[in-house]
Amino acid sequence: MSLTDLRREYATASLDVSDVAADPVAQFRRWFADALAAQVPEPNAMSLATCTTDGVPSARVVLLKGAGEDGLVFFTDYRSRKAVELDGNPLVALVFLWKEIERQVRVEGSVARMGSADSEAYFRTRPHGARLGAWASQQSRVIADRAWLDAEVRRVMDQFPGDEIPLPPHWGGYRVTPEVFEFWQGRPSRLHDRIRYRREGSVWVIERLSP
């Protein structure tokens, strides 16, 4: 099959300015609840786009771990490529795609590192293996082979034989402060509904975009 033949019509719902909450975080939570109810696989998976100080972009999928009035939260290794780019250029873009309910959410904003207390509180909720992995991995670094990584995991297991594994100094959270939210609802004939919130001072301006 040719790629040009891959298409589908969207027709399950519509979206209008009159339908949305006054606050974008409330609207996001409403749609996130819909995604959970529809059993969308990993609804908190989001594409995170970053950029170097000289304008080279990169993107990857990470997991949202908090969404409140103070921003959207995710965690990572501070030595990773994404973290190096975030520390040099704090402007980011996020995309959530919930194709099962024909919806997409885009977010633009800036990030800041979270405090160690907040990072540690989340770190303690992670599975045992994931906490070990945060110590064993040198995220984004070139390594010789899988055997090297497996050996590092065994070394960390020997270092922390019990369940108490401390927060690594190189690992923690970022909080995104949104400046723009866009809610996209698929519609027939590619005439999709797009509702954008953009921050003007302390006020969110809501407007419809052409598809």
N, C-alpha and C. Protein backbone atom coordinates (compact mmCIF):
# COMPACT_ATOMS: atom_id res chain seq x y z
N MET A 1 0.84 -1.20 0.00
CA MET A 1 0.00 0.00 0.00
C MET A 1 0.88 1.25 0.00
N SER A 2 0.48 2.23 -0.79
CA SER A 2 1.20 3.49 -0.82
C SER A 2 0.88 4.32 0.43
N LEU A 3 1.87 5.03 0.91
CA LEU A 3 1.64 5.92 2.05
C LEU A 3 0.56 6.96 1.76
N THR A 4 0.43 7.33 0.49
CA THR A 4 -0.58 8.33 0.15
C THR A 4 -2.00 7.80 0.34
N ASP A 5 -2.15 6.48 0.43
CA ASP A 5 -3.47 5.89 0.62
C ASP A 5 -3.83 5.68 2.09
N LEU A 6 -2.88 5.96 2.99
CA LEU A 6 -3.15 5.77 4.41
C LEU A 6 -3.86 7.00 4.97
N ARG A 7 -5.13 6.87 5.22
CA ARG A 7 -5.92 7.96 5.79
C ARG A 7 -7.16 7.39 6.45
N ARG A 8 -7.74 8.17 7.36
CA ARG A 8 -9.00 7.79 7.98
C ARG A 8 -9.80 9.05 8.25
N GLU A 9 -11.09 8.88 8.33
CA GLU A 9 -11.98 9.99 8.67
C GLU A 9 -12.19 10.02 10.19
N TYR A 10 -12.30 11.23 10.71
CA TYR A 10 -12.57 11.41 12.14
C TYR A 10 -13.99 11.95 12.29
N ALA A 11 -14.77 11.27 13.12
CA ALA A 11 -16.18 11.69 13.19
C ALA A 11 -16.84 11.38 14.52
N THR A 12 -16.06 11.19 15.58
CA THR A 12 -16.66 10.76 16.84
C THR A 12 -17.17 11.90 17.70
N ALA A 13 -16.64 13.12 17.53
CA ALA A 13 -17.02 14.22 18.42
C ALA A 13 -16.70 15.55 17.75
N SER A 14 -17.12 16.63 18.42
CA SER A 14 -16.81 17.98 17.95
C SER A 14 -16.34 18.80 19.14
N LEU A 15 -15.82 19.99 18.87
CA LEU A 15 -15.31 20.85 19.94
C LEU A 15 -15.52 22.30 19.54
N ASP A 16 -16.07 23.09 20.48
CA ASP A 16 -16.30 24.50 20.23
C ASP A 16 -15.84 25.30 21.45
N VAL A 17 -15.61 26.58 21.25
CA VAL A 17 -15.20 27.45 22.36
C VAL A 17 -16.19 27.36 23.51
N SER A 18 -17.47 27.21 23.18
CA SER A 18 -18.51 27.14 24.21
C SER A 18 -18.45 25.83 25.01
N ASP A 19 -17.70 24.84 24.51
CA ASP A 19 -17.63 23.54 25.17
C ASP A 19 -16.55 23.45 26.23
N VAL A 20 -15.56 24.33 26.18
CA VAL A 20 -14.35 24.13 26.97
C VAL A 20 -14.40 24.90 28.29
N ALA A 21 -13.58 24.44 29.24
CA ALA A 21 -13.45 25.12 30.53
C ALA A 21 -12.72 26.45 30.37
N ALA A 22 -12.92 27.35 31.31
CA ALA A 22 -12.25 28.65 31.25
C ALA A 22 -10.75 28.51 31.48
N ASP A 23 -10.35 27.46 32.19
CA ASP A 23 -8.94 27.23 32.52
C ASP A 23 -8.43 26.03 31.73
N PRO A 24 -7.29 26.13 31.07
CA PRO A 24 -6.81 25.03 30.23
C PRO A 24 -6.42 23.78 31.02
N VAL A 25 -5.94 23.96 32.25
CA VAL A 25 -5.58 22.78 33.04
C VAL A 25 -6.84 21.98 33.38
N ALA A 26 -7.93 22.69 33.70
CA ALA A 26 -9.19 22.00 33.94
C ALA A 26 -9.66 21.27 32.69
N GLN A 27 -9.50 21.90 31.53
CA GLN A 27 -9.87 21.26 30.27
C GLN A 27 -8.99 20.05 30.00
N PHE A 28 -7.69 20.18 30.28
CA PHE A 28 -6.77 19.06 30.09
C PHE A 28 -7.18 17.88 30.98
N ARG A 29 -7.48 18.16 32.23
CA ARG A 29 -7.88 17.09 33.14
C ARG A 29 -9.16 16.42 32.67
N ARG A 30 -10.08 17.21 32.12
CA ARG A 30 -11.33 16.66 31.60
C ARG A 30 -11.04 15.69 30.46
N TRP A 31 -10.19 16.11 29.53
CA TRP A 31 -9.85 15.25 28.39
C TRP A 31 -9.01 14.05 28.84
N PHE A 32 -8.14 14.27 29.82
CA PHE A 32 -7.33 13.15 30.31
C PHE A 32 -8.23 12.09 30.94
N ALA A 33 -9.25 12.51 31.68
CA ALA A 33 -10.22 11.57 32.26
C ALA A 33 -10.94 10.81 31.16
N ASP A 34 -11.27 11.50 30.06
CA ASP A 34 -11.91 10.81 28.93
C ASP A 34 -10.98 9.75 28.34
N ALA A 35 -9.69 10.08 28.24
CA ALA A 35 -8.71 9.13 27.71
C ALA A 35 -8.60 7.91 28.62
N LEU A 36 -8.61 8.13 29.93
CA LEU A 36 -8.57 7.01 30.87
C LEU A 36 -9.82 6.15 30.73
N ALA A 37 -10.98 6.80 30.64
CA ALA A 37 -12.24 6.05 30.52
C ALA A 37 -12.28 5.23 29.24
N ALA A 38 -11.65 5.75 28.18
CA ALA A 38 -11.61 5.04 26.90
C ALA A 38 -10.50 4.00 26.85
N GLN A 39 -9.76 3.86 27.94
CA GLN A 39 -8.65 2.90 28.05
C GLN A 39 -7.60 3.12 26.97
N VAL A 40 -7.30 4.38 26.72
CA VAL A 40 -6.19 4.71 25.82
C VAL A 40 -4.90 4.19 26.44
N PRO A 41 -4.09 3.43 25.73
CA PRO A 41 -2.83 2.94 26.29
C PRO A 41 -1.90 4.09 26.66
N GLU A 42 -1.39 4.08 27.86
CA GLU A 42 -0.45 5.10 28.35
C GLU A 42 -0.89 6.52 27.96
N PRO A 43 -2.02 6.97 28.49
CA PRO A 43 -2.49 8.31 28.12
C PRO A 43 -1.57 9.43 28.59
N ASN A 44 -0.67 9.12 29.53
CA ASN A 44 0.27 10.14 30.00
C ASN A 44 1.56 10.19 29.18
N ALA A 45 1.65 9.39 28.11
CA ALA A 45 2.81 9.47 27.22
C ALA A 45 2.73 10.75 26.39
N MET A 46 3.82 11.49 26.33
CA MET A 46 3.81 12.76 25.61
C MET A 46 5.13 12.94 24.88
N SER A 47 5.06 13.51 23.70
CA SER A 47 6.27 13.89 22.98
C SER A 47 6.80 15.17 23.58
N LEU A 48 8.08 15.18 23.90
CA LEU A 48 8.75 16.34 24.47
C LEU A 48 9.78 16.84 23.48
N ALA A 49 9.58 18.05 22.97
CA ALA A 49 10.53 18.65 22.03
C ALA A 49 11.38 19.69 22.76
N THR A 50 12.69 19.58 22.56
CA THR A 50 13.64 20.52 23.14
C THR A 50 14.51 21.08 22.03
N CYS A 51 15.35 22.03 22.38
CA CYS A 51 16.21 22.66 21.38
C CYS A 51 17.50 23.12 22.04
N THR A 52 18.60 22.98 21.32
CA THR A 52 19.88 23.47 21.83
C THR A 52 19.90 25.00 21.78
N THR A 53 20.92 25.57 22.39
CA THR A 53 21.05 27.03 22.38
C THR A 53 21.29 27.58 20.98
N ASP A 54 21.79 26.75 20.05
CA ASP A 54 22.01 27.21 18.68
C ASP A 54 20.95 26.69 17.71
N GLY A 55 19.81 26.23 18.26
CA GLY A 55 18.65 25.97 17.42
C GLY A 55 18.50 24.59 16.85
N VAL A 56 19.22 23.60 17.35
CA VAL A 56 19.07 22.23 16.86
C VAL A 56 18.00 21.52 17.69
N PRO A 57 16.89 21.08 17.06
CA PRO A 57 15.80 20.48 17.82
C PRO A 57 15.98 18.98 18.02
N SER A 58 15.30 18.44 19.01
CA SER A 58 15.20 17.00 19.19
C SER A 58 13.90 16.71 19.92
N ALA A 59 13.42 15.48 19.80
CA ALA A 59 12.15 15.11 20.44
C ALA A 59 12.21 13.65 20.85
N ARG A 60 11.42 13.33 21.89
CA ARG A 60 11.32 11.96 22.39
C ARG A 60 10.02 11.86 23.19
N VAL A 61 9.63 10.65 23.53
CA VAL A 61 8.42 10.45 24.32
C VAL A 61 8.81 10.22 25.78
N VAL A 62 8.18 10.97 26.68
CA VAL A 62 8.37 10.80 28.12
C VAL A 62 6.98 10.67 28.75
N LEU A 63 6.94 10.41 30.06
CA LEU A 63 5.66 10.22 30.75
C LEU A 63 5.35 11.41 31.66
N LEU A 64 4.15 11.93 31.51
CA LEU A 64 3.66 12.97 32.41
C LEU A 64 3.42 12.35 33.77
N LYS A 65 3.90 13.03 34.84
CA LYS A 65 3.74 12.50 36.18
C LYS A 65 3.04 13.47 37.13
N GLY A 66 2.56 14.58 36.60
CA GLY A 66 1.80 15.52 37.40
C GLY A 66 1.23 16.60 36.53
N ALA A 67 0.00 17.04 36.85
CA ALA A 67 -0.65 18.11 36.09
C ALA A 67 -1.50 18.92 37.05
N GLY A 68 -1.05 20.13 37.35
CA GLY A 68 -1.77 20.99 38.27
C GLY A 68 -1.67 22.44 37.85
N GLU A 69 -2.20 23.31 38.69
CA GLU A 69 -2.16 24.73 38.39
C GLU A 69 -0.74 25.27 38.32
N ASP A 70 0.20 24.56 38.96
CA ASP A 70 1.59 25.01 38.95
C ASP A 70 2.38 24.42 37.78
N GLY A 71 1.75 23.60 36.93
CA GLY A 71 2.43 23.13 35.74
C GLY A 71 2.33 21.63 35.53
N LEU A 72 3.05 21.16 34.50
CA LEU A 72 3.09 19.75 34.11
C LEU A 72 4.46 19.19 34.45
N VAL A 73 4.49 17.99 35.02
CA VAL A 73 5.73 17.46 35.61
C VAL A 73 6.17 16.18 34.91
N PHE A 74 7.48 16.06 34.69
CA PHE A 74 8.09 14.81 34.24
C PHE A 74 9.46 14.69 34.90
N PHE A 75 10.03 13.48 34.83
CA PHE A 75 11.31 13.20 35.50
C PHE A 75 12.29 12.60 34.51
N THR A 76 13.59 12.82 34.78
CA THR A 76 14.61 12.31 33.87
C THR A 76 15.98 12.35 34.54
N ASP A 77 16.95 11.82 33.85
CA ASP A 77 18.35 11.90 34.24
C ASP A 77 18.86 13.29 33.83
N TYR A 78 19.42 14.01 34.78
CA TYR A 78 19.90 15.37 34.49
C TYR A 78 21.13 15.39 33.58
N ARG A 79 21.71 14.22 33.31
CA ARG A 79 22.86 14.15 32.40
C ARG A 79 22.44 13.80 30.98
N SER A 80 21.15 13.55 30.77
CA SER A 80 20.66 13.13 29.46
C SER A 80 20.71 14.28 28.46
N ARG A 81 20.56 13.93 27.19
CA ARG A 81 20.55 14.97 26.15
C ARG A 81 19.42 15.96 26.38
N LYS A 82 18.23 15.45 26.73
CA LYS A 82 17.10 16.35 26.91
C LYS A 82 17.37 17.33 28.04
N ALA A 83 17.95 16.84 29.15
CA ALA A 83 18.20 17.71 30.29
C ALA A 83 19.27 18.75 29.98
N VAL A 84 20.31 18.35 29.26
CA VAL A 84 21.35 19.32 28.86
C VAL A 84 20.73 20.42 28.01
N GLU A 85 19.84 20.03 27.08
CA GLU A 85 19.19 21.04 26.24
C GLU A 85 18.23 21.90 27.06
N LEU A 86 17.50 21.29 27.99
CA LEU A 86 16.57 22.06 28.83
C LEU A 86 17.31 23.06 29.71
N ASP A 87 18.46 22.66 30.23
CA ASP A 87 19.21 23.56 31.09
C ASP A 87 19.80 24.73 30.29
N GLY A 88 20.06 24.50 29.00
CA GLY A 88 20.59 25.57 28.17
C GLY A 88 19.53 26.41 27.51
N ASN A 89 18.37 25.80 27.25
CA ASN A 89 17.26 26.49 26.58
C ASN A 89 15.97 25.95 27.18
N PRO A 90 15.33 26.67 28.10
CA PRO A 90 14.20 26.12 28.84
C PRO A 90 12.87 26.11 28.09
N LEU A 91 12.84 26.50 26.83
CA LEU A 91 11.59 26.52 26.07
C LEU A 91 11.30 25.13 25.51
N VAL A 92 10.06 24.64 25.71
CA VAL A 92 9.71 23.29 25.31
C VAL A 92 8.34 23.27 24.64
N ALA A 93 8.07 22.15 23.96
CA ALA A 93 6.75 21.85 23.43
C ALA A 93 6.41 20.41 23.78
N LEU A 94 5.14 20.17 24.11
CA LEU A 94 4.65 18.84 24.44
C LEU A 94 3.50 18.49 23.51
N VAL A 95 3.35 17.21 23.19
CA VAL A 95 2.21 16.75 22.40
C VAL A 95 1.69 15.45 23.01
N PHE A 96 0.38 15.41 23.29
CA PHE A 96 -0.32 14.19 23.68
C PHE A 96 -1.19 13.77 22.50
N LEU A 97 -1.08 12.52 22.07
CA LEU A 97 -1.92 11.99 21.00
C LEU A 97 -2.74 10.84 21.55
N TRP A 98 -4.07 11.02 21.56
CA TRP A 98 -4.99 9.99 21.99
C TRP A 98 -5.83 9.60 20.78
N LYS A 99 -5.24 8.83 19.91
CA LYS A 99 -5.87 8.54 18.62
C LYS A 99 -7.16 7.74 18.76
N GLU A 100 -7.26 6.96 19.85
CA GLU A 100 -8.47 6.15 20.05
C GLU A 100 -9.72 7.03 20.22
N ILE A 101 -9.54 8.24 20.72
CA ILE A 101 -10.68 9.16 20.85
C ILE A 101 -10.51 10.38 19.94
N GLU A 102 -9.59 10.26 18.99
CA GLU A 102 -9.40 11.25 17.92
C GLU A 102 -9.11 12.65 18.49
N ARG A 103 -8.18 12.68 19.46
CA ARG A 103 -7.83 13.94 20.11
C ARG A 103 -6.33 14.10 20.23
N GLN A 104 -5.93 15.34 20.26
CA GLN A 104 -4.53 15.70 20.46
C GLN A 104 -4.48 16.97 21.31
N VAL A 105 -3.48 17.05 22.19
CA VAL A 105 -3.26 18.26 22.98
C VAL A 105 -1.82 18.70 22.79
N ARG A 106 -1.64 19.97 22.46
CA ARG A 106 -0.31 20.56 22.35
C ARG A 106 -0.12 21.57 23.47
N VAL A 107 1.11 21.62 24.00
CA VAL A 107 1.45 22.56 25.07
C VAL A 107 2.77 23.21 24.73
N GLU A 108 2.87 24.50 24.93
CA GLU A 108 4.14 25.22 24.80
C GLU A 108 4.39 25.99 26.08
N GLY A 109 5.67 26.04 26.49
CA GLY A 109 5.99 26.76 27.71
C GLY A 109 7.47 26.69 28.03
N SER A 110 7.78 26.88 29.29
CA SER A 110 9.17 26.84 29.75
C SER A 110 9.27 25.92 30.95
N VAL A 111 10.48 25.42 31.19
CA VAL A 111 10.68 24.46 32.28
C VAL A 111 11.65 24.99 33.31
N ALA A 112 11.55 24.41 34.51
CA ALA A 112 12.52 24.64 35.56
C ALA A 112 12.67 23.35 36.35
N ARG A 113 13.86 23.11 36.88
CA ARG A 113 14.07 21.92 37.69
C ARG A 113 13.24 22.00 38.97
N MET A 114 12.75 20.85 39.40
CA MET A 114 12.05 20.76 40.66
C MET A 114 13.03 20.62 41.80
N GLY A 115 12.58 20.93 43.01
CA GLY A 115 13.42 20.76 44.18
C GLY A 115 13.68 19.29 44.48
N SER A 116 14.76 19.02 45.19
CA SER A 116 15.14 17.63 45.48
C SER A 116 14.10 16.92 46.34
N ALA A 117 13.41 17.65 47.22
CA ALA A 117 12.40 17.02 48.07
C ALA A 117 11.25 16.47 47.23
N ASP A 118 10.80 17.25 46.24
CA ASP A 118 9.73 16.78 45.36
C ASP A 118 10.19 15.61 44.49
N SER A 119 11.43 15.70 44.01
CA SER A 119 11.96 14.61 43.19
C SER A 119 12.10 13.34 44.01
N GLU A 120 12.56 13.48 45.26
CA GLU A 120 12.72 12.31 46.10
C GLU A 120 11.38 11.68 46.44
N ALA A 121 10.37 12.51 46.68
CA ALA A 121 9.04 11.97 47.00
C ALA A 121 8.52 11.11 45.86
N TYR A 122 8.72 11.57 44.62
CA TYR A 122 8.29 10.75 43.49
C TYR A 122 9.19 9.52 43.33
N PHE A 123 10.50 9.71 43.47
CA PHE A 123 11.45 8.61 43.28
C PHE A 123 11.09 7.42 44.16
N ARG A 124 10.62 7.68 45.38
CA ARG A 124 10.28 6.60 46.31
C ARG A 124 9.07 5.79 45.85
N THR A 125 8.26 6.36 44.95
CA THR A 125 7.09 5.64 44.44
C THR A 125 7.44 4.73 43.27
N ARG A 126 8.63 4.86 42.71
CA ARG A 126 9.00 4.06 41.54
C ARG A 126 9.26 2.61 41.92
N PRO A 127 9.04 1.68 40.98
CA PRO A 127 9.36 0.28 41.27
C PRO A 127 10.85 0.11 41.59
N HIS A 128 11.15 -0.93 42.32
CA HIS A 128 12.53 -1.18 42.77
C HIS A 128 13.51 -1.20 41.59
N GLY A 129 13.14 -1.90 40.53
CA GLY A 129 14.04 -2.00 39.38
C GLY A 129 14.29 -0.67 38.71
N ALA A 130 13.26 0.19 38.66
CA ALA A 130 13.42 1.50 38.04
C ALA A 130 14.34 2.39 38.88
N ARG A 131 14.28 2.24 40.20
CA ARG A 131 15.18 3.02 41.06
C ARG A 131 16.62 2.56 40.89
N LEU A 132 16.81 1.24 40.77
CA LEU A 132 18.16 0.74 40.49
C LEU A 132 18.65 1.25 39.13
N GLY A 133 17.75 1.22 38.15
CA GLY A 133 18.13 1.65 36.81
C GLY A 133 18.56 3.10 36.74
N ALA A 134 17.97 3.95 37.58
CA ALA A 134 18.35 5.36 37.58
C ALA A 134 19.80 5.54 38.03
N TRP A 135 20.29 4.64 38.88
CA TRP A 135 21.70 4.67 39.29
C TRP A 135 22.60 4.02 38.24
N ALA A 136 22.12 2.94 37.61
CA ALA A 136 22.97 2.17 36.70
C ALA A 136 23.14 2.85 35.34
N SER A 137 22.10 3.51 34.85
CA SER A 137 22.14 4.09 33.52
C SER A 137 22.90 5.41 33.50
N GLN A 138 23.62 5.63 32.44
CA GLN A 138 24.21 6.94 32.14
C GLN A 138 23.51 7.44 30.88
N GLN A 139 22.30 7.93 31.07
CA GLN A 139 21.38 8.18 29.96
C GLN A 139 22.00 9.04 28.87
N SER A 140 21.83 8.59 27.64
CA SER A 140 22.29 9.25 26.41
C SER A 140 23.78 9.08 26.14
N ARG A 141 24.53 8.42 27.04
CA ARG A 141 25.95 8.19 26.81
C ARG A 141 26.16 6.96 25.93
N VAL A 142 27.22 6.95 25.14
CA VAL A 142 27.60 5.78 24.36
C VAL A 142 28.17 4.73 25.31
N ILE A 143 27.68 3.48 25.20
CA ILE A 143 28.22 2.39 26.00
C ILE A 143 28.66 1.25 25.08
N ALA A 144 29.49 0.37 25.63
CA ALA A 144 30.09 -0.68 24.79
C ALA A 144 29.05 -1.68 24.29
N ASP A 145 28.19 -2.15 25.19
CA ASP A 145 27.21 -3.17 24.83
C ASP A 145 26.23 -3.35 25.97
N ARG A 146 25.26 -4.26 25.79
CA ARG A 146 24.27 -4.53 26.82
C ARG A 146 24.90 -5.14 28.05
N ALA A 147 25.97 -5.91 27.84
CA ALA A 147 26.64 -6.55 28.97
C ALA A 147 27.17 -5.51 29.95
N TRP A 148 27.65 -4.38 29.42
CA TRP A 148 28.13 -3.30 30.31
C TRP A 148 27.00 -2.81 31.20
N LEU A 149 25.80 -2.60 30.61
CA LEU A 149 24.66 -2.10 31.38
C LEU A 149 24.23 -3.13 32.42
N ASP A 150 24.18 -4.40 32.03
CA ASP A 150 23.80 -5.44 32.97
C ASP A 150 24.78 -5.50 34.14
N ALA A 151 26.07 -5.31 33.86
CA ALA A 151 27.08 -5.31 34.92
C ALA A 151 26.88 -4.14 35.86
N GLU A 152 26.50 -2.98 35.31
CA GLU A 152 26.24 -1.81 36.14
C GLU A 152 25.05 -2.04 37.06
N VAL A 153 24.03 -2.70 36.54
CA VAL A 153 22.86 -3.02 37.37
C VAL A 153 23.27 -3.93 38.53
N ARG A 154 24.08 -4.93 38.25
CA ARG A 154 24.54 -5.84 39.32
C ARG A 154 25.37 -5.08 40.34
N ARG A 155 26.19 -4.15 39.87
CA ARG A 155 27.02 -3.36 40.80
C ARG A 155 26.13 -2.53 41.72
N VAL A 156 25.09 -1.92 41.15
CA VAL A 156 24.19 -1.09 41.96
C VAL A 156 23.40 -1.96 42.93
N MET A 157 23.02 -3.16 42.51
CA MET A 157 22.31 -4.07 43.42
C MET A 157 23.18 -4.43 44.61
N ASP A 158 24.49 -4.60 44.38
CA ASP A 158 25.41 -4.88 45.49
C ASP A 158 25.56 -3.65 46.38
N GLN A 159 25.52 -2.46 45.77
CA GLN A 159 25.69 -1.21 46.52
C GLN A 159 24.47 -0.93 47.39
N PHE A 160 23.28 -1.26 46.87
CA PHE A 160 22.04 -1.03 47.61
C PHE A 160 21.27 -2.36 47.69
N PRO A 161 21.67 -3.26 48.61
CA PRO A 161 21.07 -4.60 48.64
C PRO A 161 19.64 -4.63 49.15
N GLY A 162 19.22 -3.66 49.90
CA GLY A 162 17.86 -3.65 50.42
C GLY A 162 16.91 -2.86 49.54
N ASP A 163 15.75 -2.51 50.11
CA ASP A 163 14.76 -1.75 49.34
C ASP A 163 15.02 -0.25 49.40
N GLU A 164 15.85 0.19 50.34
CA GLU A 164 16.13 1.62 50.47
C GLU A 164 17.18 2.04 49.44
N ILE A 165 16.74 2.71 48.43
CA ILE A 165 17.63 3.20 47.38
C ILE A 165 17.49 4.72 47.35
N PRO A 166 18.54 5.48 47.61
CA PRO A 166 18.42 6.93 47.68
C PRO A 166 18.24 7.56 46.30
N LEU A 167 17.75 8.78 46.31
CA LEU A 167 17.62 9.54 45.07
C LEU A 167 19.00 9.84 44.50
N PRO A 168 19.28 9.47 43.26
CA PRO A 168 20.58 9.81 42.67
C PRO A 168 20.73 11.33 42.54
N PRO A 169 21.92 11.86 42.73
CA PRO A 169 22.10 13.30 42.58
C PRO A 169 21.92 13.79 41.15
N HIS A 170 21.95 12.86 40.20
CA HIS A 170 21.85 13.23 38.78
C HIS A 170 20.45 13.00 38.23
N TRP A 171 19.45 12.85 39.08
CA TRP A 171 18.12 12.46 38.61
C TRP A 171 17.06 13.30 39.32
N GLY A 172 16.03 13.71 38.57
CA GLY A 172 14.97 14.48 39.21
C GLY A 172 13.95 15.00 38.22
N GLY A 173 13.14 15.93 38.68
CA GLY A 173 12.00 16.38 37.89
C GLY A 173 12.16 17.75 37.28
N TYR A 174 11.33 17.98 36.25
CA TYR A 174 11.16 19.29 35.65
C TYR A 174 9.67 19.63 35.69
N ARG A 175 9.39 20.91 35.88
CA ARG A 175 8.01 21.38 35.83
C ARG A 175 7.86 22.35 34.65
N VAL A 176 6.92 22.06 33.77
CA VAL A 176 6.64 22.92 32.62
C VAL A 176 5.58 23.94 33.03
N THR A 177 5.90 25.21 32.85
CA THR A 177 4.92 26.28 33.05
C THR A 177 4.33 26.62 31.68
N PRO A 178 3.07 26.26 31.43
CA PRO A 178 2.51 26.44 30.08
C PRO A 178 2.21 27.90 29.77
N GLU A 179 2.42 28.25 28.51
CA GLU A 179 2.01 29.54 27.97
C GLU A 179 0.93 29.37 26.92
N VAL A 180 0.88 28.18 26.31
CA VAL A 180 -0.11 27.87 25.27
C VAL A 180 -0.59 26.44 25.44
N PHE A 181 -1.90 26.24 25.36
CA PHE A 181 -2.50 24.92 25.21
C PHE A 181 -3.31 24.93 23.92
N GLU A 182 -3.27 23.84 23.16
CA GLU A 182 -4.16 23.69 22.02
C GLU A 182 -4.84 22.33 22.08
N PHE A 183 -6.16 22.35 22.03
CA PHE A 183 -6.97 21.13 22.05
C PHE A 183 -7.50 20.87 20.65
N TRP A 184 -7.18 19.70 20.12
CA TRP A 184 -7.50 19.32 18.73
C TRP A 184 -8.46 18.15 18.74
N GLN A 185 -9.57 18.32 18.08
CA GLN A 185 -10.55 17.25 17.93
C GLN A 185 -10.69 16.91 16.46
N GLY A 186 -10.44 15.65 16.10
CA GLY A 186 -10.55 15.24 14.70
C GLY A 186 -11.98 15.38 14.19
N ARG A 187 -12.10 15.86 12.94
CA ARG A 187 -13.41 16.02 12.31
C ARG A 187 -13.34 15.52 10.86
N PRO A 188 -14.49 15.26 10.23
CA PRO A 188 -14.47 14.77 8.85
C PRO A 188 -13.83 15.75 7.87
N SER A 189 -13.30 15.19 6.80
CA SER A 189 -12.72 15.97 5.68
C SER A 189 -11.55 16.85 6.12
N ARG A 190 -10.89 16.46 7.19
CA ARG A 190 -9.74 17.19 7.72
C ARG A 190 -10.10 18.61 8.20
N LEU A 191 -11.39 18.86 8.42
CA LEU A 191 -11.83 20.16 8.94
C LEU A 191 -11.92 20.06 10.46
N HIS A 192 -10.76 19.86 11.07
CA HIS A 192 -10.68 19.58 12.49
C HIS A 192 -11.03 20.79 13.34
N ASP A 193 -11.46 20.54 14.57
CA ASP A 193 -11.69 21.61 15.55
C ASP A 193 -10.41 21.84 16.34
N ARG A 194 -9.99 23.10 16.41
CA ARG A 194 -8.78 23.46 17.17
C ARG A 194 -9.11 24.65 18.06
N ILE A 195 -8.99 24.44 19.38
CA ILE A 195 -9.23 25.51 20.34
C ILE A 195 -7.92 25.79 21.08
N ARG A 196 -7.50 27.03 21.03
CA ARG A 196 -6.22 27.42 21.65
C ARG A 196 -6.46 28.33 22.85
N TYR A 197 -5.69 28.05 23.90
CA TYR A 197 -5.58 28.96 25.03
C TYR A 197 -4.18 29.58 24.98
N ARG A 198 -4.09 30.88 25.10
CA ARG A 198 -2.77 31.52 25.21
C ARG A 198 -2.82 32.51 26.38
N ARG A 199 -1.72 32.49 27.12
CA ARG A 199 -1.66 33.30 28.33
C ARG A 199 -1.31 34.76 27.99
N GLU A 200 -2.10 35.68 28.50
CA GLU A 200 -1.80 37.10 28.45
C GLU A 200 -1.79 37.61 29.88
N GLY A 201 -0.58 37.67 30.46
CA GLY A 201 -0.47 38.02 31.87
C GLY A 201 -1.07 36.91 32.72
N SER A 202 -2.07 37.24 33.51
CA SER A 202 -2.73 36.25 34.35
C SER A 202 -4.02 35.72 33.73
N VAL A 203 -4.29 36.11 32.48
CA VAL A 203 -5.54 35.76 31.81
C VAL A 203 -5.28 34.78 30.68
N TRP A 204 -6.16 33.79 30.54
CA TRP A 204 -6.10 32.87 29.41
C TRP A 204 -7.08 33.33 28.34
N VAL A 205 -6.57 33.60 27.15
CA VAL A 205 -7.39 33.97 26.00
C VAL A 205 -7.73 32.70 25.23
N ILE A 206 -9.01 32.48 24.94
CA ILE A 206 -9.46 31.29 24.25
C ILE A 206 -9.91 31.67 22.84
N GLU A 207 -9.40 30.94 21.85
CA GLU A 207 -9.75 31.27 20.46
C GLU A 207 -9.73 30.02 19.60
N ARG A 208 -10.51 30.06 18.52
CA ARG A 208 -10.56 28.96 17.56
C ARG A 208 -9.54 29.19 16.46
N LEU A 209 -8.85 28.12 16.08
CA LEU A 209 -7.90 28.17 14.97
C LEU A 209 -8.47 27.46 13.76
N SER A 210 -8.11 27.92 12.59
CA SER A 210 -8.47 27.21 11.38
C SER A 210 -7.73 25.87 11.33
N PRO A 211 -8.36 24.81 10.80
CA PRO A 211 -7.67 23.52 10.76
C PRO A 211 -6.52 23.51 9.75
